[in-house]
Amino acid sequence: METLLEHILVSTYKAGMISFMEAHPEAYDEAAALAVSDNQPYSWRAAWLLWSCMKENDLRIKSHVNKFVKYIPYARNNQKRELLKMLLMMKLTDKQEGLLFDECIILWEDISMDPSIRITALKMLLKIARKYPELSREITLVTQGHYISTLSPGVKHSVNRLLKEITD
């Protein structure tokens, strides 16, 4: 049987979903549990809704960060992107950053992966490299040639703009 949150996720527009979350803060835990499950179509929508409602380093999300980090390798594509977008907004531990760095390298290097996921993974790599500048060289190596050639001109432009952060 569909829960109220699940019903909202598939039958309401974004503004209505956000209003629901504002009126029902207890739904954050259910949304976080859905975000790290394979309960489609709710899972990626729950992750997207959490990202849409959250603030920088959001305390409502903080207790779920470890689950989000660990679930990324198992998530479906849209879910991966939304989990990464949430994690980009959170302050992470060194261990979380290490796990994410490795996973984001895998995502970035997979040229068959959706460009939106790849560029979000690259944003996470750059966020971590700002904290650990010694990683910039590794990022430079995996952003050469064939890793970029399959991207559209618009995405290439965005990638090049992002990469200026580590080369300037």
C-alpha atoms as a PDB file:
ATOM      1  CA  MET A   1       0.000   0.000   0.000  1.00  0.00           C
ATOM      2  CA  GLU A   2       1.284   3.427  -0.988  1.00  0.00           C
ATOM      3  CA  THR A   3       2.217   5.800   1.858  1.00  0.00           C
ATOM      4  CA  LEU A   4       1.120   9.435   1.849  1.00  0.00           C
ATOM      5  CA  LEU A   5       4.649  10.551   0.917  1.00  0.00           C
ATOM      6  CA  GLU A   6       4.822   8.035  -1.940  1.00  0.00           C
ATOM      7  CA  HIS A   7       1.474   9.295  -3.203  1.00  0.00           C
ATOM      8  CA  ILE A   8       2.711  12.904  -3.043  1.00  0.00           C
ATOM      9  CA  LEU A   9       5.886  11.942  -4.949  1.00  0.00           C
ATOM     10  CA  VAL A  10       3.965  10.605  -7.953  1.00  0.00           C
ATOM     11  CA  SER A  11       0.881  12.816  -7.999  1.00  0.00           C
ATOM     12  CA  THR A  12       2.005  16.327  -7.060  1.00  0.00           C
ATOM     13  CA  TYR A  13       4.061  19.045  -8.720  1.00  0.00           C
ATOM     14  CA  LYS A  14       7.278  20.315  -7.131  1.00  0.00           C
ATOM     15  CA  ALA A  15       5.705  23.206  -5.208  1.00  0.00           C
ATOM     16  CA  GLY A  16       3.146  20.855  -3.677  1.00  0.00           C
ATOM     17  CA  MET A  17       5.833  18.350  -2.703  1.00  0.00           C
ATOM     18  CA  ILE A  18       7.892  21.054  -1.017  1.00  0.00           C
ATOM     19  CA  SER A  19       4.807  22.358   0.809  1.00  0.00           C
ATOM     20  CA  PHE A  20       4.102  18.822   2.009  1.00  0.00           C
ATOM     21  CA  MET A  21       7.639  18.465   3.371  1.00  0.00           C
ATOM     22  CA  GLU A  22       7.415  21.836   5.120  1.00  0.00           C
ATOM     23  CA  ALA A  23       4.122  20.796   6.741  1.00  0.00           C
ATOM     24  CA  HIS A  24       5.380  17.292   7.608  1.00  0.00           C
ATOM     25  CA  PRO A  25       9.001  17.433   8.817  1.00  0.00           C
ATOM     26  CA  GLU A  26       8.614  13.871  10.073  1.00  0.00           C
ATOM     27  CA  ALA A  27       8.535  12.806   6.398  1.00  0.00           C
ATOM     28  CA  TYR A  28      12.276  13.521   6.026  1.00  0.00           C
ATOM     29  CA  ASP A  29      13.218  10.157   7.517  1.00  0.00           C
ATOM     30  CA  GLU A  30      10.833   8.310   5.205  1.00  0.00           C
ATOM     31  CA  ALA A  31      12.122  10.290   2.207  1.00  0.00           C
ATOM     32  CA  ALA A  32      15.722   9.494   3.186  1.00  0.00           C
ATOM     33  CA  ALA A  33      14.876   5.784   3.490  1.00  0.00           C
ATOM     34  CA  LEU A  34      13.195   5.848   0.068  1.00  0.00           C
ATOM     35  CA  ALA A  35      16.208   7.675  -1.418  1.00  0.00           C
ATOM     36  CA  VAL A  36      18.446   4.711  -0.567  1.00  0.00           C
ATOM     37  CA  SER A  37      16.109   1.983  -1.734  1.00  0.00           C
ATOM     38  CA  ASP A  38      15.208   0.401  -5.025  1.00  0.00           C
ATOM     39  CA  ASN A  39      11.553   1.285  -4.632  1.00  0.00           C
ATOM     40  CA  GLN A  40      10.912   2.894  -8.002  1.00  0.00           C
ATOM     41  CA  PRO A  41       9.563   5.335  -9.030  1.00  0.00           C
ATOM     42  CA  TYR A  42       9.745   6.732  -5.514  1.00  0.00           C
ATOM     43  CA  SER A  43      13.478   6.403  -4.817  1.00  0.00           C
ATOM     44  CA  TRP A  44      14.953   8.938  -7.207  1.00  0.00           C
ATOM     45  CA  ARG A  45      11.993  11.280  -6.645  1.00  0.00           C
ATOM     46  CA  ALA A  46      12.552  11.145  -2.884  1.00  0.00           C
ATOM     47  CA  ALA A  47      16.229  12.009  -3.363  1.00  0.00           C
ATOM     48  CA  TRP A  48      15.274  14.826  -5.742  1.00  0.00           C
ATOM     49  CA  LEU A  49      12.697  16.166  -3.271  1.00  0.00           C
ATOM     50  CA  LEU A  50      15.167  16.102  -0.386  1.00  0.00           C
ATOM     51  CA  TRP A  51      17.676  18.015  -2.509  1.00  0.00           C
ATOM     52  CA  SER A  52      14.945  20.493  -3.479  1.00  0.00           C
ATOM     53  CA  CYS A  53      14.039  21.134   0.173  1.00  0.00           C
ATOM     54  CA  MET A  54      17.434  21.161   1.826  1.00  0.00           C
ATOM     55  CA  LYS A  55      19.767  23.923   2.907  1.00  0.00           C
ATOM     56  CA  GLU A  56      23.562  23.931   3.024  1.00  0.00           C
ATOM     57  CA  ASN A  57      24.739  21.320   5.580  1.00  0.00           C
ATOM     58  CA  ASP A  58      21.121  20.613   6.508  1.00  0.00           C
ATOM     59  CA  LEU A  59      20.698  19.053   9.952  1.00  0.00           C
ATOM     60  CA  ARG A  60      17.624  17.132   8.738  1.00  0.00           C
ATOM     61  CA  ILE A  61      19.882  15.309   6.243  1.00  0.00           C
ATOM     62  CA  LYS A  62      23.066  15.012   8.305  1.00  0.00           C
ATOM     63  CA  SER A  63      22.166  11.729  10.021  1.00  0.00           C
ATOM     64  CA  HIS A  64      21.540  10.122   6.606  1.00  0.00           C
ATOM     65  CA  VAL A  65      24.779  11.124   4.881  1.00  0.00           C
ATOM     66  CA  ASN A  66      26.599   7.824   5.512  1.00  0.00           C
ATOM     67  CA  LYS A  67      23.711   5.858   3.993  1.00  0.00           C
ATOM     68  CA  PHE A  68      23.668   8.164   0.960  1.00  0.00           C
ATOM     69  CA  VAL A  69      27.424   7.785   0.402  1.00  0.00           C
ATOM     70  CA  LYS A  70      27.323   3.998   0.723  1.00  0.00           C
ATOM     71  CA  TYR A  71      24.284   3.590  -1.546  1.00  0.00           C
ATOM     72  CA  ILE A  72      25.584   5.506  -4.568  1.00  0.00           C
ATOM     73  CA  PRO A  73      27.241   2.448  -6.211  1.00  0.00           C
ATOM     74  CA  TYR A  74      23.904   0.587  -6.069  1.00  0.00           C
ATOM     75  CA  ALA A  75      21.584   3.446  -7.023  1.00  0.00           C
ATOM     76  CA  ARG A  76      20.000   3.850 -10.414  1.00  0.00           C
ATOM     77  CA  ASN A  77      21.309   6.677 -12.575  1.00  0.00           C
ATOM     78  CA  ASN A  78      18.852   9.457 -11.651  1.00  0.00           C
ATOM     79  CA  GLN A  79      19.144   8.438  -8.035  1.00  0.00           C
ATOM     80  CA  LYS A  80      22.978   8.646  -8.177  1.00  0.00           C
ATOM     81  CA  ARG A  81      22.797  12.189  -9.501  1.00  0.00           C
ATOM     82  CA  GLU A  82      20.323  13.348  -6.853  1.00  0.00           C
ATOM     83  CA  LEU A  83      22.259  11.727  -4.007  1.00  0.00           C
ATOM     84  CA  LEU A  84      25.446  13.404  -5.236  1.00  0.00           C
ATOM     85  CA  LYS A  85      23.679  16.763  -5.479  1.00  0.00           C
ATOM     86  CA  MET A  86      22.607  16.424  -1.844  1.00  0.00           C
ATOM     87  CA  LEU A  87      26.090  15.418  -0.764  1.00  0.00           C
ATOM     88  CA  LEU A  88      27.578  18.406  -2.580  1.00  0.00           C
ATOM     89  CA  MET A  89      25.660  20.591  -0.132  1.00  0.00           C
ATOM     90  CA  MET A  90      26.852  18.768   2.977  1.00  0.00           C
ATOM     91  CA  LYS A  91      30.000  18.987   5.059  1.00  0.00           C
ATOM     92  CA  LEU A  92      31.550  15.536   4.797  1.00  0.00           C
ATOM     93  CA  THR A  93      34.024  13.611   6.914  1.00  0.00           C
ATOM     94  CA  ASP A  94      37.396  12.549   5.541  1.00  0.00           C
ATOM     95  CA  LYS A  95      36.163   8.951   5.286  1.00  0.00           C
ATOM     96  CA  GLN A  96      33.020   9.999   3.409  1.00  0.00           C
ATOM     97  CA  GLU A  97      35.107  12.104   1.054  1.00  0.00           C
ATOM     98  CA  GLY A  98      37.464   9.173   0.414  1.00  0.00           C
ATOM     99  CA  LEU A  99      34.592   6.846  -0.487  1.00  0.00           C
ATOM    100  CA  LEU A 100      32.976   9.513  -2.657  1.00  0.00           C
ATOM    101  CA  PHE A 101      36.212  10.380  -4.423  1.00  0.00           C
ATOM    102  CA  ASP A 102      36.700   6.785  -5.506  1.00  0.00           C
ATOM    103  CA  GLU A 103      33.071   6.378  -6.607  1.00  0.00           C
ATOM    104  CA  CYS A 104      33.055   9.706  -8.452  1.00  0.00           C
ATOM    105  CA  ILE A 105      36.211   8.749 -10.360  1.00  0.00           C
ATOM    106  CA  ILE A 106      34.399   5.578 -11.464  1.00  0.00           C
ATOM    107  CA  LEU A 107      31.320   7.568 -12.508  1.00  0.00           C
ATOM    108  CA  TRP A 108      33.341  10.217 -14.343  1.00  0.00           C
ATOM    109  CA  GLU A 109      35.469   7.688 -16.234  1.00  0.00           C
ATOM    110  CA  ASP A 110      32.383   5.793 -17.473  1.00  0.00           C
ATOM    111  CA  ILE A 111      31.845   7.626 -20.759  1.00  0.00           C
ATOM    112  CA  SER A 112      28.601   5.711 -21.313  1.00  0.00           C
ATOM    113  CA  MET A 113      27.143   7.292 -18.163  1.00  0.00           C
ATOM    114  CA  ASP A 114      24.648  10.155 -18.518  1.00  0.00           C
ATOM    115  CA  PRO A 115      26.512  13.473 -18.814  1.00  0.00           C
ATOM    116  CA  SER A 116      24.436  14.945 -15.962  1.00  0.00           C
ATOM    117  CA  ILE A 117      25.738  12.243 -13.625  1.00  0.00           C
ATOM    118  CA  ARG A 118      29.299  12.587 -14.877  1.00  0.00           C
ATOM    119  CA  ILE A 119      29.378  16.362 -14.404  1.00  0.00           C
ATOM    120  CA  THR A 120      27.835  16.060 -10.929  1.00  0.00           C
ATOM    121  CA  ALA A 121      30.529  13.495 -10.057  1.00  0.00           C
ATOM    122  CA  LEU A 122      33.144  15.927 -11.381  1.00  0.00           C
ATOM    123  CA  LYS A 123      31.733  18.680  -9.155  1.00  0.00           C
ATOM    124  CA  MET A 124      32.165  16.368  -6.159  1.00  0.00           C
ATOM    125  CA  LEU A 125      35.741  15.544  -7.222  1.00  0.00           C
ATOM    126  CA  LEU A 126      36.513  19.251  -7.427  1.00  0.00           C
ATOM    127  CA  LYS A 127      34.902  19.944  -4.052  1.00  0.00           C
ATOM    128  CA  ILE A 128      37.143  17.310  -2.482  1.00  0.00           C
ATOM    129  CA  ALA A 129      40.213  18.539  -4.394  1.00  0.00           C
ATOM    130  CA  ARG A 130      39.694  22.047  -2.971  1.00  0.00           C
ATOM    131  CA  LYS A 131      40.223  20.521   0.463  1.00  0.00           C
ATOM    132  CA  TYR A 132      43.043  18.217  -0.694  1.00  0.00           C
ATOM    133  CA  PRO A 133      44.930  20.062  -3.472  1.00  0.00           C
ATOM    134  CA  GLU A 134      47.235  17.080  -4.024  1.00  0.00           C
ATOM    135  CA  LEU A 135      44.261  15.346  -5.711  1.00  0.00           C
ATOM    136  CA  SER A 136      44.126  18.010  -8.438  1.00  0.00           C
ATOM    137  CA  ARG A 137      46.725  16.150 -10.499  1.00  0.00           C
ATOM    138  CA  GLU A 138      44.611  12.992 -10.491  1.00  0.00           C
ATOM    139  CA  ILE A 139      41.577  14.975 -11.643  1.00  0.00           C
ATOM    140  CA  THR A 140      43.628  16.581 -14.401  1.00  0.00           C
ATOM    141  CA  LEU A 141      44.648  13.104 -15.619  1.00  0.00           C
ATOM    142  CA  VAL A 142      41.066  11.806 -15.806  1.00  0.00           C
ATOM    143  CA  THR A 143      39.750  14.871 -17.608  1.00  0.00           C
ATOM    144  CA  GLN A 144      41.879  14.457 -20.706  1.00  0.00           C
ATOM    145  CA  GLY A 145      40.971  13.458 -24.243  1.00  0.00           C
ATOM    146  CA  HIS A 146      38.456  10.669 -24.538  1.00  0.00           C
ATOM    147  CA  TYR A 147      36.786  11.460 -21.178  1.00  0.00           C
ATOM    148  CA  ILE A 148      35.618  14.788 -22.595  1.00  0.00           C
ATOM    149  CA  SER A 149      35.317  14.071 -26.323  1.00  0.00           C
ATOM    150  CA  THR A 150      31.971  12.246 -25.961  1.00  0.00           C
ATOM    151  CA  LEU A 151      30.308  15.210 -24.236  1.00  0.00           C
ATOM    152  CA  SER A 152      28.096  17.751 -25.985  1.00  0.00           C
ATOM    153  CA  PRO A 153      29.560  21.216 -26.649  1.00  0.00           C
ATOM    154  CA  GLY A 154      27.521  22.721 -23.806  1.00  0.00           C
ATOM    155  CA  VAL A 155      28.638  20.117 -21.278  1.00  0.00           C
ATOM    156  CA  LYS A 156      32.255  20.400 -22.489  1.00  0.00           C
ATOM    157  CA  HIS A 157      32.072  24.141 -21.884  1.00  0.00           C
ATOM    158  CA  SER A 158      30.763  23.547 -18.338  1.00  0.00           C
ATOM    159  CA  VAL A 159      33.470  20.966 -17.655  1.00  0.00           C
ATOM    160  CA  ASN A 160      36.202  23.301 -18.914  1.00  0.00           C
ATOM    161  CA  ARG A 161      34.830  26.113 -16.746  1.00  0.00           C
ATOM    162  CA  LEU A 162      34.848  23.815 -13.703  1.00  0.00           C
ATOM    163  CA  LEU A 163      38.373  22.594 -14.446  1.00  0.00           C
ATOM    164  CA  LYS A 164      39.705  26.162 -14.460  1.00  0.00           C
ATOM    165  CA  GLU A 165      39.275  26.026 -10.670  1.00  0.00           C
ATOM    166  CA  ILE A 166      42.117  23.530 -10.328  1.00  0.00           C
ATOM    167  CA  THR A 167      44.320  24.856 -13.101  1.00  0.00           C
ATOM    168  CA  ASP A 168      44.262  28.537 -12.158  1.00  0.00           C
END
